Amino acid sequence: MTTNSINLAAQLAQAKGWDNLLRQLMLAGKALYPLNAEARNEHSEVQGCQSQVWLQLTVDDNHHVAMLAWSDSKIIRGVLAVIQEKVNQLSPEQIAAFDFDDWFASIQLERYLSQSRASGIAEVIRQIRHQSAVSN
């Protein structure tokens, strides 16, 4: 990925209104480093999402987290790209302690996501926490 989370998160935080935020999410989705098609299976699928979402985390010996994800929804791909950039900067311990809800509020995501999308993203975060703890 060529951008960093500060750029994507800052772009979302500065977005004025839903249309601008949506545009930023669509652009962010193009930056998502995807989970390849072969890895999109029942083991990597996140249950409880309105859209199809697949997620895979690995943790190397240096405690570096690498998150790969994909969704059939362009909006959710954008949300996943923003999350991916943040998660890839954190260790498993930091992921466990990180307040994603406050972070989402600070970059306006919580404000504009529908209840069903917010519930799906909450499940993505639960899976990120679980997979990073198990892989650690």
Protein backbone atom coordinates (compact mmCIF):
# COMPACT_ATOMS: atom_id res chain seq x y z
CA MET A 1 0.00 0.00 0.00
CA THR A 2 1.40 3.36 -0.96
CA THR A 3 -0.45 5.65 1.45
CA ASN A 4 -0.47 5.61 5.22
CA SER A 5 -3.36 5.68 7.64
CA ILE A 6 -2.71 9.25 8.65
CA ASN A 7 -3.47 10.30 5.09
CA LEU A 8 -6.67 8.26 4.74
CA ALA A 9 -7.87 8.98 8.26
CA ALA A 10 -7.09 12.69 7.86
CA GLN A 11 -8.93 12.79 4.54
CA LEU A 12 -12.01 11.26 6.17
CA ALA A 13 -11.78 13.58 9.17
CA GLN A 14 -11.68 16.60 6.85
CA ALA A 15 -14.54 15.43 4.63
CA LYS A 16 -17.48 17.81 4.61
CA GLY A 17 -20.76 15.92 4.45
CA TRP A 18 -21.77 12.45 3.33
CA ASP A 19 -21.03 13.00 -0.37
CA ASN A 20 -17.44 14.03 0.27
CA LEU A 21 -16.92 11.25 2.81
CA LEU A 22 -18.36 8.72 0.38
CA ARG A 23 -15.99 9.96 -2.33
CA GLN A 24 -13.04 9.60 0.07
CA LEU A 25 -14.14 6.08 1.02
CA MET A 26 -14.41 5.06 -2.64
CA LEU A 27 -10.89 6.37 -3.27
CA ALA A 28 -9.62 4.62 -0.15
CA GLY A 29 -11.15 1.36 -1.38
CA LYS A 30 -8.93 1.55 -4.44
CA ALA A 31 -5.90 1.58 -2.10
CA LEU A 32 -7.00 -1.59 -0.27
CA TYR A 33 -4.39 -4.31 -0.46
CA PRO A 34 -6.78 -7.18 -1.17
CA LEU A 35 -7.08 -10.69 0.10
CA ASN A 36 -6.58 -12.81 -3.01
CA ALA A 37 -9.51 -14.68 -4.49
CA GLU A 38 -8.22 -18.11 -3.41
CA ALA A 39 -8.16 -17.00 0.24
CA ARG A 40 -11.74 -15.74 0.13
CA ASN A 41 -13.44 -18.76 1.63
CA GLU A 42 -15.60 -19.79 4.57
CA HIS A 43 -12.58 -19.64 6.91
CA SER A 44 -11.81 -16.00 6.13
CA GLU A 45 -15.38 -14.75 5.65
CA VAL A 46 -16.63 -12.45 8.40
CA GLN A 47 -20.11 -13.49 9.48
CA GLY A 48 -22.60 -10.84 10.51
CA CYS A 49 -21.86 -8.35 7.75
CA GLN A 50 -24.51 -7.13 5.34
CA SER A 51 -21.93 -7.24 2.54
CA GLN A 52 -19.55 -10.10 1.98
CA VAL A 53 -16.30 -9.42 3.83
CA TRP A 54 -13.20 -11.58 4.02
CA LEU A 55 -10.39 -10.95 6.48
CA GLN A 56 -7.02 -12.52 7.14
CA LEU A 57 -4.40 -11.42 9.66
CA THR A 58 -0.89 -12.69 10.09
CA VAL A 59 1.62 -11.80 12.77
CA ASP A 60 5.31 -12.35 12.08
CA ASP A 61 8.06 -13.13 14.59
CA ASN A 62 8.65 -9.42 15.13
CA HIS A 63 4.99 -8.91 16.10
CA HIS A 64 4.28 -7.06 12.85
CA VAL A 65 0.62 -7.45 11.88
CA ALA A 66 -0.38 -7.76 8.24
CA MET A 67 -4.08 -7.46 7.50
CA LEU A 68 -5.57 -8.42 4.16
CA ALA A 69 -9.24 -7.93 3.42
CA TRP A 70 -11.83 -7.68 0.68
CA SER A 71 -15.51 -6.87 0.33
CA ASP A 72 -17.99 -6.94 -2.51
CA SER A 73 -19.11 -3.45 -1.38
CA LYS A 74 -17.11 -0.44 -2.59
CA ILE A 75 -17.98 1.54 0.53
CA ILE A 76 -16.93 -1.25 2.85
CA ARG A 77 -13.71 -1.74 0.85
CA GLY A 78 -12.95 1.91 1.67
CA VAL A 79 -13.66 1.38 5.35
CA LEU A 80 -11.51 -1.76 5.29
CA ALA A 81 -8.64 0.17 3.65
CA VAL A 82 -8.69 2.75 6.45
CA ILE A 83 -8.83 0.00 9.09
CA GLN A 84 -6.12 -1.99 7.28
CA GLU A 85 -3.70 0.90 7.32
CA LYS A 86 -4.28 1.49 11.03
CA VAL A 87 -4.11 -2.18 12.02
CA ASN A 88 -0.93 -2.72 10.01
CA GLN A 89 0.76 -0.08 12.20
CA LEU A 90 -0.15 -1.81 15.46
CA SER A 91 1.18 -4.82 17.35
CA PRO A 92 -1.27 -7.48 18.57
CA GLU A 93 -1.05 -5.96 22.05
CA GLN A 94 -1.84 -2.51 20.70
CA ILE A 95 -4.77 -3.90 18.69
CA ALA A 96 -6.20 -5.43 21.87
CA ALA A 97 -6.01 -2.07 23.67
CA PHE A 98 -6.91 0.25 20.77
CA ASP A 99 -10.23 2.10 21.03
CA PHE A 100 -11.59 1.69 17.52
CA ASP A 101 -14.90 3.36 18.46
CA ASP A 102 -13.18 6.60 19.49
CA TRP A 103 -10.97 6.45 16.41
CA PHE A 104 -14.00 5.95 14.14
CA ALA A 105 -15.66 8.96 15.78
CA SER A 106 -12.54 11.10 15.31
CA ILE A 107 -12.47 10.38 11.56
CA GLN A 108 -16.27 10.69 11.13
CA LEU A 109 -16.90 7.06 10.20
CA GLU A 110 -19.26 6.35 13.09
CA ARG A 111 -21.36 9.37 12.16
CA TYR A 112 -22.12 8.27 8.61
CA LEU A 113 -22.32 4.48 8.75
CA SER A 114 -25.79 2.93 8.79
CA GLN A 115 -26.62 0.70 11.75
CA SER A 116 -26.23 -2.45 9.65
CA ARG A 117 -22.83 -1.35 8.29
CA ALA A 118 -21.70 -0.29 11.77
CA SER A 119 -22.69 -3.72 13.13
CA GLY A 120 -20.74 -5.41 10.35
CA ILE A 121 -17.67 -3.27 10.99
CA ALA A 122 -17.93 -4.08 14.71
CA GLU A 123 -17.76 -7.76 13.75
CA VAL A 124 -14.72 -7.04 11.56
CA ILE A 125 -13.03 -5.42 14.57
CA ARG A 126 -13.91 -8.42 16.76
CA GLN A 127 -12.33 -10.70 14.16
CA ILE A 128 -9.22 -8.50 13.93
CA ARG A 129 -8.79 -8.66 17.72
CA HIS A 130 -9.38 -12.42 17.75
CA GLN A 131 -7.08 -13.22 14.83
CA SER A 132 -4.27 -10.99 16.10
CA ALA A 133 -4.46 -12.61 19.56
CA VAL A 134 -4.52 -16.15 18.14
CA SER A 135 -1.68 -15.42 15.70
CA ASN A 136 0.48 -13.82 18.38
